[in-house]
């Protein structure tokens, strides 16, 4: 008896109606498999960040930043990167036109800067950068973020800005680091510390972990990351009833180190927030 349902790898050897149905199912399955393979093969966009502090007379006066964005595309005039210029009462870097050097596969990439002030009563002002031509390939940004002396006068409020003290520096990424202007679900983010200009024993830590990092996260998550670079010590405070503060890291100092008036700049590793808490410990 001939088995009309038998199939070879080259064709469906069945009556015409069944043959059309069988081959359609095989074609659909092949298309689904190819689509799934392509989805798996698509790499995440990537953001590589390198921080290199610039010492001056033993203190950190600035931090050189190099970022490489892969998998990001922007058309001419489209907002590509942004950074806060004010957070509550704290000023950010307030970059000027020409402060951000950009390039891609075609060479220099001119950027247009737009300052966006929030309505009265809101806590955030933004700087937005748009390319003046369509981008092509990986985008490299190079710029220098100023680090104010830790003890210099400043308005009352949280210490989000980048500050230097005792040969080290600290602050919040979102006070100086450019990020994609368009919200994105996830990217492969790497952080590299270039500390050759600092004394032996210097290291970098963030509230995402110590040393160089590699993370698959939404780029906006960097807005809650704080950092310290320099000769760093760690300590656990005395236990207090009801306290969630489980530890802190500080720049080495011969005396209590204050970043914001009477309070010490310390990084909390609380499992709840994992954010830097400038107001957690008095000097």
Protein backbone atom coordinates (compact mmCIF):
# COMPACT_ATOMS: atom_id res chain seq x y z
CA UNK A 1 0.00 0.00 0.00
CA UNK A 2 1.29 3.45 -0.90
CA UNK A 3 1.57 5.76 2.04
CA UNK A 4 0.32 9.10 0.70
CA UNK A 5 1.42 10.91 3.89
CA UNK A 6 5.11 10.13 3.43
CA UNK A 7 7.31 13.19 2.85
CA UNK A 8 10.82 13.65 1.65
CA UNK A 9 13.10 16.51 2.63
CA UNK A 10 12.57 17.97 -0.87
CA UNK A 11 8.79 17.85 -1.27
CA UNK A 12 5.50 16.85 0.30
CA UNK A 13 4.41 13.66 -1.48
CA UNK A 14 0.71 13.80 -0.67
CA UNK A 15 -2.47 14.55 -2.64
CA UNK A 16 -2.60 18.14 -3.94
CA UNK A 17 -4.87 19.60 -1.23
CA UNK A 18 -2.84 18.03 1.56
CA UNK A 19 0.36 18.96 -0.24
CA UNK A 20 -0.58 22.65 -0.30
CA UNK A 21 -1.54 22.53 3.39
CA UNK A 22 1.60 20.64 4.38
CA UNK A 23 3.98 22.90 2.48
CA UNK A 24 2.26 26.03 3.77
CA UNK A 25 2.74 24.79 7.35
CA UNK A 26 6.40 24.01 6.66
CA UNK A 27 6.95 27.46 5.13
CA UNK A 28 5.28 29.13 8.11
CA UNK A 29 7.37 27.11 10.56
CA UNK A 30 10.54 28.01 8.67
CA UNK A 31 9.61 31.71 8.69
CA UNK A 32 8.88 31.64 12.44
CA UNK A 33 12.17 29.86 13.12
CA UNK A 34 14.10 32.37 11.00
CA UNK A 35 12.39 35.28 12.74
CA UNK A 36 13.21 33.83 16.16
CA UNK A 37 16.83 33.29 15.13
CA UNK A 38 17.10 36.88 13.93
CA UNK A 39 15.57 38.14 17.19
CA UNK A 40 18.11 36.21 19.22
CA UNK A 41 20.98 37.35 17.03
CA UNK A 42 20.18 41.07 17.40
CA UNK A 43 22.68 42.51 19.92
CA UNK A 44 21.64 45.08 22.48
CA UNK A 45 22.63 48.67 21.85
CA UNK A 46 25.83 49.41 23.76
CA UNK A 47 27.14 52.36 25.76
CA UNK A 48 30.82 52.27 26.75
CA UNK A 49 31.84 54.87 29.35
CA UNK A 50 35.41 55.74 30.37
CA UNK A 51 36.12 58.16 33.23
CA UNK A 52 39.57 59.72 33.62
CA UNK A 53 39.97 62.21 36.51
CA UNK A 54 42.31 65.16 35.88
CA UNK A 55 44.41 66.07 38.97
CA UNK A 56 45.57 69.62 39.57
CA UNK A 57 47.82 70.48 42.53
CA UNK A 58 46.82 67.21 44.19
CA UNK A 59 43.08 67.73 43.78
CA UNK A 60 40.63 66.58 41.09
CA UNK A 61 39.58 69.62 39.06
CA UNK A 62 37.80 67.78 36.24
CA UNK A 63 36.93 64.38 34.82
CA UNK A 64 37.44 63.51 31.14
CA UNK A 65 34.57 61.46 29.77
CA UNK A 66 34.61 59.26 26.67
CA UNK A 67 31.42 57.50 25.58
CA UNK A 68 30.88 55.20 22.61
CA UNK A 69 27.27 54.55 21.58
CA UNK A 70 26.69 51.53 19.33
CA UNK A 71 23.32 50.72 17.84
CA UNK A 72 22.03 54.29 18.20
CA UNK A 73 20.76 56.23 15.18
CA UNK A 74 19.55 59.82 14.96
CA UNK A 75 18.46 61.89 11.99
CA UNK A 76 19.45 65.51 11.45
CA UNK A 77 17.90 67.73 14.12
CA UNK A 78 16.56 64.80 16.16
CA UNK A 79 17.34 64.96 19.92
CA UNK A 80 20.01 62.32 20.51
CA UNK A 81 21.51 63.00 23.97
CA UNK A 82 20.47 64.86 27.09
CA UNK A 83 21.77 65.75 30.54
CA UNK A 84 20.24 67.74 33.41
CA UNK A 85 21.57 71.27 33.88
CA UNK A 86 19.73 71.71 37.17
CA UNK A 87 18.43 69.20 39.70
CA UNK A 88 16.40 70.87 42.44
CA UNK A 89 18.77 73.54 43.84
CA UNK A 90 21.91 71.88 42.43
CA UNK A 91 23.39 73.03 39.12
CA UNK A 92 24.74 70.49 36.66
CA UNK A 93 27.59 71.09 34.25
CA UNK A 94 25.80 73.57 31.96
CA UNK A 95 27.81 72.59 28.89
CA UNK A 96 28.25 75.18 26.17
CA UNK A 97 28.21 74.76 22.39
CA UNK A 98 31.50 73.12 21.43
CA UNK A 99 32.11 71.50 24.83
CA UNK A 100 30.93 68.11 23.52
CA UNK A 101 33.11 66.66 20.74
CA UNK A 102 31.18 64.08 18.69
CA UNK A 103 32.18 61.83 15.81
CA UNK A 104 30.93 58.77 13.94
CA UNK A 105 31.93 56.67 10.93
CA UNK A 106 31.82 59.74 8.67
CA UNK A 107 34.06 61.85 10.91
CA UNK A 108 33.21 64.89 13.06
CA UNK A 109 29.55 65.08 14.03
CA UNK A 110 28.35 68.63 14.76
CA UNK A 111 25.82 68.93 17.56
CA UNK A 112 23.23 71.62 18.27
CA UNK A 113 22.56 72.41 21.94
CA UNK A 114 19.13 73.34 23.25
CA UNK A 115 18.53 74.39 26.86
CA UNK A 116 15.09 73.43 28.16
CA UNK A 117 13.93 75.13 31.34
CA UNK A 118 11.14 73.47 33.30
CA UNK A 119 8.09 75.43 34.46
CA UNK A 120 8.30 77.26 37.78
CA UNK A 121 8.16 74.88 40.71
CA UNK A 122 9.64 71.92 38.81
CA UNK A 123 13.01 70.52 39.82
CA UNK A 124 14.69 69.65 36.50
CA UNK A 125 16.19 71.65 33.63
CA UNK A 126 17.69 69.83 30.64
CA UNK A 127 20.32 70.27 27.98
CA UNK A 128 19.50 68.42 24.75
CA UNK A 129 21.97 67.71 21.92
CA UNK A 130 20.89 66.99 18.34
CA UNK A 131 23.17 66.10 15.39
CA UNK A 132 23.19 68.48 12.44
CA UNK A 133 23.31 65.53 10.04
CA UNK A 134 22.14 61.93 10.17
CA UNK A 135 24.42 59.69 12.21
CA UNK A 136 26.28 56.75 10.69
CA UNK A 137 27.73 53.94 12.78
CA UNK A 138 29.01 54.11 16.37
CA UNK A 139 28.92 57.59 17.92
CA UNK A 140 31.80 58.75 20.11
CA UNK A 141 31.41 61.63 22.57
CA UNK A 142 34.36 63.28 24.33
CA UNK A 143 34.02 66.03 26.91
CA UNK A 144 35.33 67.32 30.22
CA UNK A 145 33.17 67.66 33.33
CA UNK A 146 34.35 70.15 35.94
CA UNK A 147 34.66 69.01 39.56
CA UNK A 148 34.14 71.80 42.09
CA UNK A 149 36.14 71.76 45.35
CA UNK A 150 34.15 69.84 47.93
CA UNK A 151 34.21 72.66 50.46
CA UNK A 152 33.33 75.49 48.07
CA UNK A 153 30.07 77.34 48.79
CA UNK A 154 26.94 75.92 47.28
CA UNK A 155 23.17 76.26 47.74
CA UNK A 156 21.49 74.15 50.38
CA UNK A 157 20.24 70.84 49.04
CA UNK A 158 21.41 67.41 47.94
CA UNK A 159 25.00 66.95 46.71
CA UNK A 160 24.29 65.64 43.25
CA UNK A 161 27.02 67.65 41.53
CA UNK A 162 30.53 66.44 40.74
CA UNK A 163 33.00 67.46 43.49
CA UNK A 164 36.63 66.77 44.29
CA UNK A 165 38.37 66.37 47.63
CA UNK A 166 41.43 64.66 49.14
CA UNK A 167 42.70 63.67 45.70
CA UNK A 168 39.41 61.98 44.83
CA UNK A 169 36.01 62.90 43.42
CA UNK A 170 32.38 61.93 43.72
CA UNK A 171 28.87 62.77 42.60
CA UNK A 172 25.91 61.53 40.62
CA UNK A 173 26.11 60.38 37.01
CA UNK A 174 23.07 62.36 36.01
CA UNK A 175 24.74 65.64 36.99
CA UNK A 176 27.31 65.36 34.18
CA UNK A 177 26.85 62.24 32.01
CA UNK A 178 25.09 62.47 28.64
CA UNK A 179 22.55 59.71 28.00
CA UNK A 180 20.26 58.84 25.07
CA UNK A 181 17.45 61.37 24.81
CA UNK A 182 14.94 58.70 23.78
CA UNK A 183 13.83 56.17 26.37
CA UNK A 184 15.16 52.67 25.74
CA UNK A 185 14.30 49.36 27.36
CA UNK A 186 17.83 48.00 27.74
CA UNK A 187 21.43 48.47 26.62
CA UNK A 188 24.76 46.82 27.36
CA UNK A 189 26.50 49.43 29.52
CA UNK A 190 30.18 49.23 30.46
CA UNK A 191 32.08 51.53 32.82
CA UNK A 192 35.88 51.75 32.75
CA UNK A 193 37.92 53.70 35.31
CA UNK A 194 41.12 55.28 33.97
CA UNK A 195 42.92 56.26 37.17
CA UNK A 196 46.54 56.40 35.98
CA UNK A 197 46.81 60.03 37.06
CA UNK A 198 45.89 59.27 40.68
CA UNK A 199 48.16 58.02 43.49
CA UNK A 200 48.74 54.29 43.95
CA UNK A 201 45.82 52.55 45.60
CA UNK A 202 43.17 54.67 43.91
CA UNK A 203 40.03 52.87 42.80
CA UNK A 204 36.54 53.62 41.60
CA UNK A 205 33.25 52.46 43.08
CA UNK A 206 29.62 53.11 42.29
CA UNK A 207 26.36 52.16 43.88
CA UNK A 208 26.16 49.49 41.16
CA UNK A 209 29.41 47.87 42.32
CA UNK A 210 33.17 48.36 42.62
CA UNK A 211 35.68 48.68 39.77
CA UNK A 212 34.94 48.32 36.07
CA UNK A 213 31.37 47.27 35.36
CA UNK A 214 29.34 45.59 32.61
CA UNK A 215 25.54 45.61 32.93
CA UNK A 216 22.49 45.03 30.74
CA UNK A 217 20.17 47.78 32.00
CA UNK A 218 17.93 50.56 30.74
CA UNK A 219 20.25 53.55 30.22
CA UNK A 220 17.95 55.62 32.44
CA UNK A 221 18.98 53.42 35.38
CA UNK A 222 22.30 55.30 35.37
CA UNK A 223 20.36 58.27 36.71
CA UNK A 224 20.29 56.58 40.12
CA UNK A 225 23.97 55.63 40.15
CA UNK A 226 26.45 57.59 42.29
CA UNK A 227 30.22 57.26 42.22
CA UNK A 228 33.43 57.82 44.15
CA UNK A 229 36.96 57.70 42.77
CA UNK A 230 40.24 57.90 44.70
CA UNK A 231 41.71 56.17 47.74
CA UNK A 232 38.59 54.73 49.29
CA UNK A 233 37.84 53.20 52.67
CA UNK A 234 34.75 51.32 53.81
CA UNK A 235 33.11 51.09 57.19
CA UNK A 236 29.96 49.87 58.85
CA UNK A 237 28.27 52.40 61.16
CA UNK A 238 27.17 51.43 64.68
CA UNK A 239 23.81 49.63 64.56
CA UNK A 240 20.81 51.82 65.20
CA UNK A 241 17.31 50.61 65.92
CA UNK A 242 15.16 50.77 62.79
CA UNK A 243 18.00 51.93 60.55
CA UNK A 244 18.29 50.59 56.99
CA UNK A 245 21.77 52.07 56.52
CA UNK A 246 24.07 49.04 56.17
CA UNK A 247 27.42 50.57 55.25
CA UNK A 248 29.25 53.39 53.54
CA UNK A 249 32.37 54.18 51.56
CA UNK A 250 34.45 57.35 51.94
CA UNK A 251 37.43 59.05 50.41
CA UNK A 252 40.48 58.72 52.69
CA UNK A 253 41.03 61.78 54.83
CA UNK A 254 42.98 62.73 57.91
CA UNK A 255 39.87 64.40 59.27
CA UNK A 256 36.13 63.88 58.72
CA UNK A 257 35.44 64.58 55.07
CA UNK A 258 32.47 66.84 54.35
CA UNK A 259 31.00 67.39 50.90
CA UNK A 260 27.97 69.39 51.91
CA UNK A 261 28.42 71.65 54.91
CA UNK A 262 28.14 69.61 58.09
CA UNK A 263 27.42 66.30 56.42
CA UNK A 264 29.65 63.55 55.08
CA UNK A 265 29.60 62.24 51.50
CA UNK A 266 28.99 58.50 51.86
CA UNK A 267 27.55 55.76 49.68
CA UNK A 268 24.77 53.69 51.15
CA UNK A 269 24.48 50.04 50.12
CA UNK A 270 20.93 49.82 51.45
CA UNK A 271 19.04 47.00 49.73
CA UNK A 272 16.14 49.40 49.35
CA UNK A 273 17.67 52.33 47.45
CA UNK A 274 21.39 51.57 46.78
CA UNK A 275 21.78 55.30 46.30
CA UNK A 276 24.32 57.69 47.66
CA UNK A 277 23.01 59.35 50.78
CA UNK A 278 24.79 62.57 51.59
CA UNK A 279 22.62 63.22 54.62
CA UNK A 280 23.02 59.85 56.33
CA UNK A 281 26.04 60.53 58.54
CA UNK A 282 27.22 63.67 60.30
CA UNK A 283 30.91 64.59 60.29
